[in-house]
Amino acid sequence: MSFSLACTANYQVMGSNNSLEWWKFWVSVMAFVISIVSLLISIAVTRKTAKTGIRPILVILYSKEGWIIRNIGSGPALNIIVAQRKGELWFNPVRIPPLAKDGELILRWLDSVNDTSLGANYFDFQTRPYSAFCSNDLSKVFHRLIIPGWEESQIDRYWKDHRYRSQDFGSYPKKRSDPSIDMLLKK
């Protein structure tokens, strides 16, 4: 109540011209603040759009040809490592060539294996890390690497003539997942 009385008293003292000036000032300040907020929002949206506009998204799926990895994103996927997972152990890492937008590669060395999960670590052209994971026909994509790092000598090449056989599981070098990654994969 005292505020409204003070405003009324102030209005009567200032007169109508000063009151009009006061409202013009605050309207222009509010317009300036709104324009700055709009500019900041526009910059944030533009940055996010720029990132997603070049982001690769890999999915691993099964077809009549066998296991396929496909880039359904907007940008190329680089430095791709595909690996298998059984329980909490990753094994059989294989480097494959880059995949362009809408590119795909048949993972011939896997044939029609169905007793393991599959994952892939990859990067966009600005070296931002991503991962794809497929288990029981459920696909997930992450903004981080989920497969443990391997020595270069332990990573096979897709063009080598090798086949995964479940009876050879014991002969592959294995790496245990980080517990925080295990929690992500189980969600």
N, C-alpha and C. Protein backbone atom coordinates (compact mmCIF):
# COMPACT_ATOMS: atom_id res chain seq x y z
N MET A 1 0.82 -1.19 0.00
CA MET A 1 0.00 0.00 0.00
C MET A 1 0.86 1.25 0.00
N SER A 2 1.95 1.22 0.77
CA SER A 2 2.81 2.40 0.83
C SER A 2 3.48 2.63 -0.52
N PHE A 3 3.77 1.54 -1.27
CA PHE A 3 4.37 1.67 -2.60
C PHE A 3 3.43 2.37 -3.56
N SER A 4 2.15 1.96 -3.55
CA SER A 4 1.19 2.59 -4.46
C SER A 4 0.99 4.06 -4.09
N LEU A 5 0.99 4.39 -2.79
CA LEU A 5 0.87 5.79 -2.38
C LEU A 5 2.08 6.59 -2.84
N ALA A 6 3.27 5.98 -2.71
CA ALA A 6 4.50 6.67 -3.12
C ALA A 6 4.49 6.91 -4.62
N CYS A 7 4.03 5.89 -5.39
CA CYS A 7 3.97 6.04 -6.85
C CYS A 7 2.97 7.13 -7.23
N THR A 8 1.83 7.15 -6.54
CA THR A 8 0.81 8.15 -6.84
C THR A 8 1.34 9.53 -6.50
N ALA A 9 1.98 9.64 -5.36
CA ALA A 9 2.53 10.93 -4.95
C ALA A 9 3.62 11.36 -5.92
N ASN A 10 4.44 10.46 -6.30
CA ASN A 10 5.53 10.75 -7.24
C ASN A 10 4.96 11.17 -8.59
N TYR A 11 3.91 10.53 -9.02
CA TYR A 11 3.27 10.84 -10.29
C TYR A 11 2.72 12.27 -10.26
N GLN A 12 2.09 12.64 -9.12
CA GLN A 12 1.51 13.97 -9.02
C GLN A 12 2.58 15.05 -9.00
N VAL A 13 3.74 14.72 -8.38
CA VAL A 13 4.82 15.70 -8.30
C VAL A 13 5.49 15.85 -9.66
N MET A 14 5.71 14.67 -10.34
CA MET A 14 6.45 14.69 -11.59
C MET A 14 5.64 15.30 -12.72
N GLY A 15 4.36 15.12 -12.69
CA GLY A 15 3.53 15.63 -13.78
C GLY A 15 3.45 14.62 -14.89
N SER A 16 2.58 14.83 -15.82
CA SER A 16 2.32 13.85 -16.87
C SER A 16 3.47 13.74 -17.87
N ASN A 17 4.20 14.81 -18.17
CA ASN A 17 5.32 14.75 -19.11
C ASN A 17 6.44 13.88 -18.59
N ASN A 18 6.81 14.09 -17.32
CA ASN A 18 7.87 13.28 -16.73
C ASN A 18 7.47 11.82 -16.62
N SER A 19 6.21 11.58 -16.35
CA SER A 19 5.73 10.21 -16.25
C SER A 19 5.86 9.50 -17.61
N LEU A 20 5.53 10.20 -18.65
CA LEU A 20 5.65 9.65 -19.99
C LEU A 20 7.10 9.32 -20.33
N GLU A 21 8.00 10.23 -19.94
CA GLU A 21 9.43 10.01 -20.16
C GLU A 21 9.90 8.76 -19.40
N TRP A 22 9.41 8.65 -18.15
CA TRP A 22 9.78 7.51 -17.31
C TRP A 22 9.34 6.21 -17.97
N TRP A 23 8.14 6.11 -18.48
CA TRP A 23 7.64 4.89 -19.13
C TRP A 23 8.42 4.60 -20.42
N LYS A 24 8.74 5.63 -21.18
CA LYS A 24 9.52 5.43 -22.40
C LYS A 24 10.89 4.84 -22.07
N PHE A 25 11.51 5.36 -21.02
CA PHE A 25 12.82 4.86 -20.61
C PHE A 25 12.74 3.37 -20.26
N TRP A 26 11.78 2.98 -19.43
CA TRP A 26 11.69 1.57 -19.00
C TRP A 26 11.28 0.65 -20.14
N VAL A 27 10.46 1.12 -21.03
CA VAL A 27 10.09 0.31 -22.19
C VAL A 27 11.32 0.08 -23.06
N SER A 28 12.14 1.11 -23.26
CA SER A 28 13.35 0.93 -24.07
C SER A 28 14.36 0.03 -23.37
N VAL A 29 14.46 0.11 -22.05
CA VAL A 29 15.36 -0.79 -21.30
C VAL A 29 14.88 -2.24 -21.45
N MET A 30 13.60 -2.45 -21.30
CA MET A 30 13.05 -3.81 -21.43
C MET A 30 13.26 -4.35 -22.85
N ALA A 31 13.07 -3.50 -23.84
CA ALA A 31 13.29 -3.92 -25.23
C ALA A 31 14.75 -4.31 -25.45
N PHE A 32 15.66 -3.53 -24.87
CA PHE A 32 17.09 -3.84 -24.97
C PHE A 32 17.40 -5.18 -24.30
N VAL A 33 16.90 -5.41 -23.11
CA VAL A 33 17.13 -6.67 -22.38
C VAL A 33 16.57 -7.84 -23.17
N ILE A 34 15.38 -7.70 -23.70
CA ILE A 34 14.77 -8.78 -24.48
C ILE A 34 15.58 -9.07 -25.73
N SER A 35 16.10 -8.04 -26.38
CA SER A 35 16.91 -8.26 -27.58
C SER A 35 18.22 -8.97 -27.25
N ILE A 36 18.85 -8.65 -26.13
CA ILE A 36 20.08 -9.32 -25.71
C ILE A 36 19.80 -10.80 -25.40
N VAL A 37 18.73 -11.07 -24.67
CA VAL A 37 18.35 -12.46 -24.36
C VAL A 37 18.06 -13.21 -25.66
N SER A 38 17.36 -12.60 -26.59
CA SER A 38 17.06 -13.24 -27.87
C SER A 38 18.33 -13.54 -28.65
N LEU A 39 19.28 -12.62 -28.62
CA LEU A 39 20.56 -12.82 -29.29
C LEU A 39 21.30 -14.01 -28.69
N LEU A 40 21.35 -14.10 -27.37
CA LEU A 40 22.04 -15.21 -26.71
C LEU A 40 21.37 -16.55 -27.02
N ILE A 41 20.07 -16.58 -27.02
CA ILE A 41 19.35 -17.81 -27.37
C ILE A 41 19.63 -18.19 -28.81
N SER A 42 19.63 -17.22 -29.70
CA SER A 42 19.91 -17.48 -31.11
C SER A 42 21.31 -18.05 -31.31
N ILE A 43 22.30 -17.49 -30.61
CA ILE A 43 23.67 -18.00 -30.70
C ILE A 43 23.73 -19.44 -30.21
N ALA A 44 23.09 -19.75 -29.08
CA ALA A 44 23.11 -21.10 -28.52
C ALA A 44 22.45 -22.10 -29.48
N VAL A 45 21.32 -21.73 -30.05
CA VAL A 45 20.62 -22.62 -30.99
C VAL A 45 21.44 -22.83 -32.25
N THR A 46 22.06 -21.78 -32.75
CA THR A 46 22.90 -21.89 -33.94
C THR A 46 24.08 -22.81 -33.70
N ARG A 47 24.71 -22.69 -32.54
CA ARG A 47 25.84 -23.59 -32.21
C ARG A 47 25.39 -25.04 -32.14
N LYS A 48 24.27 -25.28 -31.50
CA LYS A 48 23.76 -26.65 -31.38
C LYS A 48 23.40 -27.20 -32.76
N THR A 49 22.78 -26.39 -33.58
CA THR A 49 22.43 -26.82 -34.93
C THR A 49 23.67 -27.12 -35.75
N ALA A 50 24.71 -26.31 -35.58
CA ALA A 50 25.96 -26.55 -36.30
C ALA A 50 26.57 -27.88 -35.90
N LYS A 51 26.50 -28.23 -34.62
CA LYS A 51 27.04 -29.51 -34.16
C LYS A 51 26.22 -30.68 -34.70
N THR A 52 24.91 -30.59 -34.57
CA THR A 52 24.07 -31.71 -35.01
C THR A 52 24.01 -31.80 -36.52
N GLY A 53 24.29 -30.71 -37.20
CA GLY A 53 24.28 -30.72 -38.66
C GLY A 53 25.44 -31.49 -39.26
N ILE A 54 26.48 -31.75 -38.48
CA ILE A 54 27.65 -32.49 -38.97
C ILE A 54 27.89 -33.75 -38.16
N ARG A 55 26.97 -34.11 -37.31
CA ARG A 55 27.16 -35.24 -36.41
C ARG A 55 26.89 -36.57 -37.10
N PRO A 56 27.84 -37.49 -37.01
CA PRO A 56 27.56 -38.84 -37.49
C PRO A 56 26.77 -39.61 -36.43
N ILE A 57 25.88 -40.47 -36.86
CA ILE A 57 25.16 -41.36 -35.95
C ILE A 57 25.24 -42.76 -36.54
N LEU A 58 25.98 -43.63 -35.88
CA LEU A 58 26.12 -45.00 -36.37
C LEU A 58 25.12 -45.90 -35.68
N VAL A 59 24.53 -46.79 -36.45
CA VAL A 59 23.67 -47.83 -35.91
C VAL A 59 24.18 -49.17 -36.43
N ILE A 60 24.05 -50.16 -35.58
CA ILE A 60 24.46 -51.52 -35.93
C ILE A 60 23.19 -52.34 -36.03
N LEU A 61 23.00 -52.98 -37.18
CA LEU A 61 21.77 -53.73 -37.38
C LEU A 61 22.04 -55.02 -38.14
N TYR A 62 21.12 -55.92 -38.04
CA TYR A 62 21.25 -57.21 -38.72
C TYR A 62 20.34 -57.23 -39.94
N SER A 63 20.87 -57.74 -41.05
CA SER A 63 20.08 -57.85 -42.28
C SER A 63 20.37 -59.22 -42.90
N LYS A 64 19.80 -59.48 -44.06
CA LYS A 64 20.01 -60.78 -44.70
C LYS A 64 21.48 -61.00 -45.10
N GLU A 65 22.25 -59.89 -45.25
CA GLU A 65 23.68 -60.01 -45.57
C GLU A 65 24.53 -60.26 -44.33
N GLY A 66 23.97 -60.09 -43.16
CA GLY A 66 24.70 -60.21 -41.90
C GLY A 66 24.65 -58.89 -41.15
N TRP A 67 25.61 -58.69 -40.25
CA TRP A 67 25.66 -57.47 -39.46
C TRP A 67 26.15 -56.31 -40.33
N ILE A 68 25.49 -55.17 -40.18
CA ILE A 68 25.82 -53.97 -40.95
C ILE A 68 25.96 -52.81 -39.97
N ILE A 69 26.92 -51.95 -40.24
CA ILE A 69 27.01 -50.69 -39.51
C ILE A 69 26.69 -49.59 -40.52
N ARG A 70 25.77 -48.70 -40.14
CA ARG A 70 25.27 -47.68 -41.07
C ARG A 70 25.33 -46.31 -40.41
N ASN A 71 25.73 -45.31 -41.19
CA ASN A 71 25.75 -43.93 -40.71
C ASN A 71 24.44 -43.25 -41.12
N ILE A 72 23.57 -43.04 -40.15
CA ILE A 72 22.30 -42.38 -40.43
C ILE A 72 22.35 -40.89 -40.07
N GLY A 73 23.53 -40.43 -39.67
CA GLY A 73 23.70 -39.03 -39.27
C GLY A 73 23.97 -38.13 -40.46
N SER A 74 24.40 -36.91 -40.15
CA SER A 74 24.60 -35.89 -41.18
C SER A 74 26.06 -35.71 -41.59
N GLY A 75 26.98 -36.24 -40.82
CA GLY A 75 28.40 -36.05 -41.13
C GLY A 75 29.14 -37.37 -41.17
N PRO A 76 30.40 -37.34 -41.61
CA PRO A 76 31.19 -38.57 -41.70
C PRO A 76 31.61 -39.08 -40.33
N ALA A 77 31.70 -40.39 -40.20
CA ALA A 77 32.20 -41.04 -38.99
C ALA A 77 33.63 -41.50 -39.29
N LEU A 78 34.57 -41.10 -38.43
CA LEU A 78 35.98 -41.37 -38.66
C LEU A 78 36.56 -42.23 -37.54
N ASN A 79 37.68 -42.90 -37.85
CA ASN A 79 38.44 -43.69 -36.87
C ASN A 79 37.53 -44.66 -36.10
N ILE A 80 36.79 -45.45 -36.83
CA ILE A 80 35.78 -46.34 -36.24
C ILE A 80 36.43 -47.65 -35.79
N ILE A 81 36.17 -48.01 -34.55
CA ILE A 81 36.58 -49.30 -34.00
C ILE A 81 35.31 -50.02 -33.59
N VAL A 82 35.10 -51.22 -34.15
CA VAL A 82 33.96 -52.06 -33.80
C VAL A 82 34.48 -53.18 -32.91
N ALA A 83 33.77 -53.49 -31.84
CA ALA A 83 34.18 -54.57 -30.94
C ALA A 83 32.95 -55.33 -30.46
N GLN A 84 33.21 -56.53 -29.97
CA GLN A 84 32.15 -57.36 -29.42
C GLN A 84 32.22 -57.32 -27.90
N ARG A 85 31.09 -57.63 -27.28
CA ARG A 85 31.01 -57.62 -25.82
C ARG A 85 30.25 -58.85 -25.37
N LYS A 86 30.83 -59.53 -24.40
CA LYS A 86 30.18 -60.68 -23.78
C LYS A 86 30.29 -60.46 -22.28
N GLY A 87 29.15 -60.37 -21.61
CA GLY A 87 29.16 -60.02 -20.19
C GLY A 87 29.69 -58.59 -20.04
N GLU A 88 30.75 -58.43 -19.25
CA GLU A 88 31.37 -57.12 -19.07
C GLU A 88 32.69 -57.01 -19.82
N LEU A 89 32.99 -57.98 -20.68
CA LEU A 89 34.27 -58.00 -21.39
C LEU A 89 34.11 -57.61 -22.85
N TRP A 90 34.95 -56.69 -23.29
CA TRP A 90 35.03 -56.30 -24.70
C TRP A 90 36.15 -57.09 -25.34
N PHE A 91 35.96 -57.51 -26.60
CA PHE A 91 37.00 -58.26 -27.30
C PHE A 91 36.81 -58.10 -28.81
N ASN A 92 37.78 -58.62 -29.55
CA ASN A 92 37.76 -58.61 -31.02
C ASN A 92 37.57 -57.21 -31.61
N PRO A 93 38.45 -56.24 -31.24
CA PRO A 93 38.33 -54.91 -31.85
C PRO A 93 38.80 -54.93 -33.30
N VAL A 94 38.03 -54.29 -34.16
CA VAL A 94 38.35 -54.24 -35.59
C VAL A 94 38.17 -52.81 -36.09
N ARG A 95 39.19 -52.30 -36.77
CA ARG A 95 39.11 -50.96 -37.36
C ARG A 95 38.46 -51.08 -38.74
N ILE A 96 37.50 -50.18 -38.99
CA ILE A 96 36.85 -50.17 -40.30
C ILE A 96 37.07 -48.80 -40.93
N PRO A 97 36.86 -48.68 -42.24
CA PRO A 97 37.09 -47.38 -42.89
C PRO A 97 36.03 -46.35 -42.49
N PRO A 98 36.32 -45.08 -42.75
CA PRO A 98 35.32 -44.03 -42.45
C PRO A 98 34.02 -44.29 -43.20
N LEU A 99 32.93 -43.84 -42.59
CA LEU A 99 31.62 -43.96 -43.22
C LEU A 99 31.06 -42.57 -43.48
N ALA A 100 30.77 -42.29 -44.74
CA ALA A 100 30.15 -41.02 -45.11
C ALA A 100 28.68 -41.03 -44.70
N LYS A 101 28.05 -39.90 -44.79
CA LYS A 101 26.60 -39.81 -44.55
C LYS A 101 25.91 -40.85 -45.43
N ASP A 102 25.01 -41.62 -44.84
CA ASP A 102 24.28 -42.70 -45.51
C ASP A 102 25.17 -43.86 -45.95
N GLY A 103 26.43 -43.88 -45.51
CA GLY A 103 27.32 -44.99 -45.84
C GLY A 103 27.08 -46.18 -44.92
N GLU A 104 27.46 -47.35 -45.39
CA GLU A 104 27.32 -48.55 -44.58
C GLU A 104 28.40 -49.55 -44.96
N LEU A 105 28.64 -50.49 -44.04
CA LEU A 105 29.63 -51.53 -44.27
C LEU A 105 29.10 -52.82 -43.67
N ILE A 106 29.18 -53.90 -44.44
CA ILE A 106 28.81 -55.21 -43.91
C ILE A 106 29.97 -55.71 -43.06
N LEU A 107 29.69 -56.11 -41.84
CA LEU A 107 30.71 -56.59 -40.92
C LEU A 107 30.91 -58.09 -41.15
N ARG A 108 31.55 -58.42 -42.25
CA ARG A 108 31.66 -59.81 -42.73
C ARG A 108 32.31 -60.75 -41.73
N TRP A 109 33.26 -60.27 -40.95
CA TRP A 109 33.95 -61.15 -40.01
C TRP A 109 33.02 -61.66 -38.91
N LEU A 110 31.87 -61.03 -38.75
CA LEU A 110 30.93 -61.46 -37.70
C LEU A 110 29.94 -62.52 -38.19
N ASP A 111 29.84 -62.70 -39.50
CA ASP A 111 28.84 -63.61 -40.07
C ASP A 111 27.49 -63.30 -39.45
N SER A 112 26.87 -64.29 -38.87
CA SER A 112 25.55 -64.08 -38.25
C SER A 112 25.61 -64.35 -36.75
N VAL A 113 26.72 -63.95 -36.13
CA VAL A 113 26.89 -64.16 -34.69
C VAL A 113 25.71 -63.53 -33.93
N ASN A 114 25.23 -64.24 -32.92
CA ASN A 114 24.12 -63.70 -32.13
C ASN A 114 24.32 -63.93 -30.64
N ASP A 115 25.55 -64.25 -30.24
CA ASP A 115 25.79 -64.51 -28.82
C ASP A 115 26.60 -63.39 -28.14
N THR A 116 26.76 -62.26 -28.82
CA THR A 116 27.48 -61.13 -28.22
C THR A 116 26.76 -59.83 -28.56
N SER A 117 27.08 -58.80 -27.78
CA SER A 117 26.65 -57.45 -28.11
C SER A 117 27.72 -56.83 -29.00
N LEU A 118 27.39 -55.76 -29.69
CA LEU A 118 28.34 -55.07 -30.55
C LEU A 118 28.37 -53.59 -30.19
N GLY A 119 29.56 -53.02 -30.32
CA GLY A 119 29.72 -51.60 -30.06
C GLY A 119 30.71 -50.99 -31.03
N ALA A 120 30.66 -49.68 -31.16
CA ALA A 120 31.60 -48.96 -32.04
C ALA A 120 31.94 -47.61 -31.40
N ASN A 121 33.23 -47.32 -31.35
CA ASN A 121 33.71 -45.98 -31.01
C ASN A 121 34.02 -45.27 -32.30
N TYR A 122 33.72 -43.97 -32.38
CA TYR A 122 34.02 -43.21 -33.59
C TYR A 122 34.08 -41.72 -33.26
N PHE A 123 34.51 -40.94 -34.24
CA PHE A 123 34.68 -39.50 -34.07
C PHE A 123 34.08 -38.77 -35.25
N ASP A 124 33.66 -37.50 -35.02
CA ASP A 124 33.29 -36.66 -36.15
C ASP A 124 34.55 -35.98 -36.66
N PHE A 125 34.44 -35.15 -37.68
CA PHE A 125 35.64 -34.57 -38.26
C PHE A 125 36.29 -33.52 -37.36
N GLN A 126 35.61 -33.12 -36.31
CA GLN A 126 36.20 -32.20 -35.33
C GLN A 126 36.70 -32.95 -34.10
N THR A 127 36.88 -34.25 -34.24
CA THR A 127 37.38 -35.19 -33.22
C THR A 127 36.53 -35.24 -31.95
N ARG A 128 35.23 -34.98 -32.06
CA ARG A 128 34.33 -35.19 -30.93
C ARG A 128 34.00 -36.68 -30.88
N PRO A 129 34.08 -37.30 -29.70
CA PRO A 129 33.88 -38.75 -29.59
C PRO A 129 32.41 -39.14 -29.47
N TYR A 130 32.09 -40.30 -30.06
CA TYR A 130 30.75 -40.89 -29.98
C TYR A 130 30.90 -42.40 -29.90
N SER A 131 29.83 -43.06 -29.50
CA SER A 131 29.78 -44.52 -29.50
C SER A 131 28.39 -44.98 -29.87
N ALA A 132 28.35 -46.19 -30.46
CA ALA A 132 27.09 -46.85 -30.75
C ALA A 132 27.14 -48.22 -30.08
N PHE A 133 25.98 -48.71 -29.66
CA PHE A 133 25.93 -50.00 -28.97
C PHE A 133 24.66 -50.71 -29.40
N CYS A 134 24.76 -52.00 -29.63
CA CYS A 134 23.60 -52.81 -30.01
C CYS A 134 23.63 -54.11 -29.22
N SER A 135 22.54 -54.38 -28.55
CA SER A 135 22.40 -55.62 -27.79
C SER A 135 20.93 -56.01 -27.80
N ASN A 136 20.66 -57.24 -28.21
CA ASN A 136 19.28 -57.74 -28.27
C ASN A 136 18.38 -56.81 -29.09
N ASP A 137 18.89 -56.34 -30.22
CA ASP A 137 18.17 -55.45 -31.13
C ASP A 137 17.81 -54.09 -30.52
N LEU A 138 18.46 -53.73 -29.45
CA LEU A 138 18.28 -52.41 -28.84
C LEU A 138 19.51 -51.58 -29.16
N SER A 139 19.32 -50.44 -29.82
CA SER A 139 20.43 -49.58 -30.22
C SER A 139 20.50 -48.36 -29.31
N LYS A 140 21.73 -47.97 -28.97
CA LYS A 140 21.96 -46.77 -28.17
C LYS A 140 23.13 -46.01 -28.78
N VAL A 141 23.08 -44.68 -28.68
CA VAL A 141 24.17 -43.82 -29.15
C VAL A 141 24.59 -42.94 -27.97
N PHE A 142 25.90 -42.77 -27.81
CA PHE A 142 26.44 -42.00 -26.69
C PHE A 142 27.37 -40.90 -27.20
N HIS A 143 27.48 -39.82 -26.41
CA HIS A 143 28.39 -38.70 -26.72
C HIS A 143 29.73 -38.91 -26.03
N ARG A 144 30.17 -40.14 -25.92
CA ARG A 144 31.45 -40.48 -25.30
C ARG A 144 31.87 -41.85 -25.80
N LEU A 145 33.10 -42.23 -25.51
CA LEU A 145 33.60 -43.54 -25.91
C LEU A 145 33.20 -44.57 -24.86
N ILE A 146 32.67 -45.70 -25.30
CA ILE A 146 32.26 -46.75 -24.36
C ILE A 146 33.18 -47.96 -24.41
N ILE A 147 33.87 -48.16 -25.53
CA ILE A 147 34.75 -49.31 -25.66
C ILE A 147 36.12 -48.92 -25.10
N PRO A 148 36.72 -49.79 -24.27
CA PRO A 148 38.05 -49.45 -23.74
C PRO A 148 39.08 -49.29 -24.85
N GLY A 149 40.13 -48.54 -24.56
CA GLY A 149 41.20 -48.35 -25.54
C GLY A 149 42.02 -49.62 -25.73
N TRP A 150 42.51 -49.82 -26.92
CA TRP A 150 43.33 -50.99 -27.25
C TRP A 150 44.66 -50.53 -27.83
N GLU A 151 45.69 -51.34 -27.62
CA GLU A 151 46.95 -51.10 -28.31
C GLU A 151 46.70 -51.29 -29.80
N GLU A 152 47.37 -50.50 -30.62
CA GLU A 152 47.17 -50.58 -32.07
C GLU A 152 47.43 -52.00 -32.59
N SER A 153 48.40 -52.69 -32.00
CA SER A 153 48.73 -54.06 -32.45
C SER A 153 47.62 -55.06 -32.14
N GLN A 154 46.71 -54.73 -31.22
CA GLN A 154 45.61 -55.63 -30.86
C GLN A 154 44.36 -55.40 -31.69
N ILE A 155 44.38 -54.37 -32.54
CA ILE A 155 43.20 -54.04 -33.34
C ILE A 155 43.35 -54.66 -34.73
N ASP A 156 42.40 -55.52 -35.10
CA ASP A 156 42.41 -56.11 -36.44
C ASP A 156 41.90 -55.11 -37.46
N ARG A 157 42.06 -55.45 -38.72
CA ARG A 157 41.55 -54.64 -39.82
C ARG A 157 40.41 -55.41 -40.49
N TYR A 158 39.42 -54.68 -40.94
CA TYR A 158 38.22 -55.32 -41.50
C TYR A 158 38.52 -56.13 -42.74
N TRP A 159 39.55 -55.78 -43.48
CA TRP A 159 39.85 -56.43 -44.74
C TRP A 159 40.65 -57.72 -44.56
N LYS A 160 41.14 -57.98 -43.34
CA LYS A 160 41.86 -59.23 -43.10
C LYS A 160 40.87 -60.39 -43.12
N ASP A 161 41.35 -61.51 -43.55
CA ASP A 161 40.48 -62.69 -43.63
C ASP A 161 40.44 -63.39 -42.28
N HIS A 162 39.53 -62.96 -41.45
CA HIS A 162 39.33 -63.64 -40.16
C HIS A 162 37.84 -63.70 -39.87
N ARG A 163 37.44 -64.67 -39.16
CA ARG A 163 36.04 -64.85 -38.79
C ARG A 163 35.95 -65.03 -37.29
N TYR A 164 34.94 -64.44 -36.71
CA TYR A 164 34.69 -64.66 -35.29
C TYR A 164 33.96 -65.98 -35.14
N ARG A 165 34.44 -66.78 -34.23
CA ARG A 165 33.74 -68.02 -33.88
C ARG A 165 33.62 -68.04 -32.36
N SER A 166 32.43 -68.34 -31.86
CA SER A 166 32.21 -68.27 -30.41
C SER A 166 33.11 -69.24 -29.66
N GLN A 167 33.50 -70.36 -30.28
CA GLN A 167 34.38 -71.30 -29.58
C GLN A 167 35.79 -70.74 -29.40
N ASP A 168 36.15 -69.67 -30.16
CA ASP A 168 37.46 -69.04 -30.03
C ASP A 168 37.46 -67.89 -29.01
N PHE A 169 36.36 -67.67 -28.31
CA PHE A 169 36.23 -66.55 -27.38
C PHE A 169 37.41 -66.48 -26.42
N GLY A 170 37.86 -67.63 -25.91
CA GLY A 170 38.96 -67.66 -24.94
C GLY A 170 40.28 -67.18 -25.49
N SER A 171 40.47 -67.21 -26.79
CA SER A 171 41.76 -66.83 -27.37
C SER A 171 41.89 -65.33 -27.65
N TYR A 172 40.80 -64.57 -27.59
CA TYR A 172 40.85 -63.13 -27.87
C TYR A 172 41.36 -62.36 -26.65
N PRO A 173 42.20 -61.33 -26.87
CA PRO A 173 42.51 -60.43 -25.74
C PRO A 173 41.24 -59.68 -25.35
N LYS A 174 41.05 -59.49 -24.06
CA LYS A 174 39.81 -58.88 -23.57
C LYS A 174 40.11 -57.68 -22.69
N LYS A 175 39.16 -56.77 -22.63
CA LYS A 175 39.26 -55.61 -21.75
C LYS A 175 37.94 -55.47 -21.01
N ARG A 176 38.04 -55.19 -19.72
CA ARG A 176 36.84 -55.00 -18.90
C ARG A 176 36.33 -53.57 -19.07
N SER A 177 35.02 -53.45 -19.10
CA SER A 177 34.38 -52.13 -19.19
C SER A 177 34.57 -51.37 -17.89
N ASP A 178 34.56 -50.06 -18.01
CA ASP A 178 34.52 -49.19 -16.85
C ASP A 178 33.14 -49.37 -16.21
N PRO A 179 33.05 -49.46 -14.87
CA PRO A 179 31.74 -49.65 -14.22
C PRO A 179 30.71 -48.58 -14.58
N SER A 180 31.15 -47.33 -14.79
CA SER A 180 30.18 -46.29 -15.15
C SER A 180 29.60 -46.54 -16.54
N ILE A 181 30.41 -47.11 -17.44
CA ILE A 181 29.93 -47.47 -18.77
C ILE A 181 28.94 -48.63 -18.66
N ASP A 182 29.25 -49.60 -17.81
CA ASP A 182 28.32 -50.73 -17.63
C ASP A 182 26.95 -50.25 -17.21
N MET A 183 26.90 -49.22 -16.34
CA MET A 183 25.62 -48.69 -15.90
C MET A 183 24.87 -48.04 -17.07
N LEU A 184 25.59 -47.33 -17.93
CA LEU A 184 24.95 -46.70 -19.10
C LEU A 184 24.37 -47.75 -20.03
N LEU A 185 25.11 -48.83 -20.25
CA LEU A 185 24.66 -49.85 -21.19
C LEU A 185 23.47 -50.65 -20.67
N LYS A 186 23.33 -50.71 -19.36
CA LYS A 186 22.23 -51.49 -18.78
C LYS A 186 20.94 -50.71 -18.69
N LYS A 187 21.00 -49.38 -18.85
CA LYS A 187 19.78 -48.54 -18.75
C LYS A 187 18.88 -48.78 -19.92
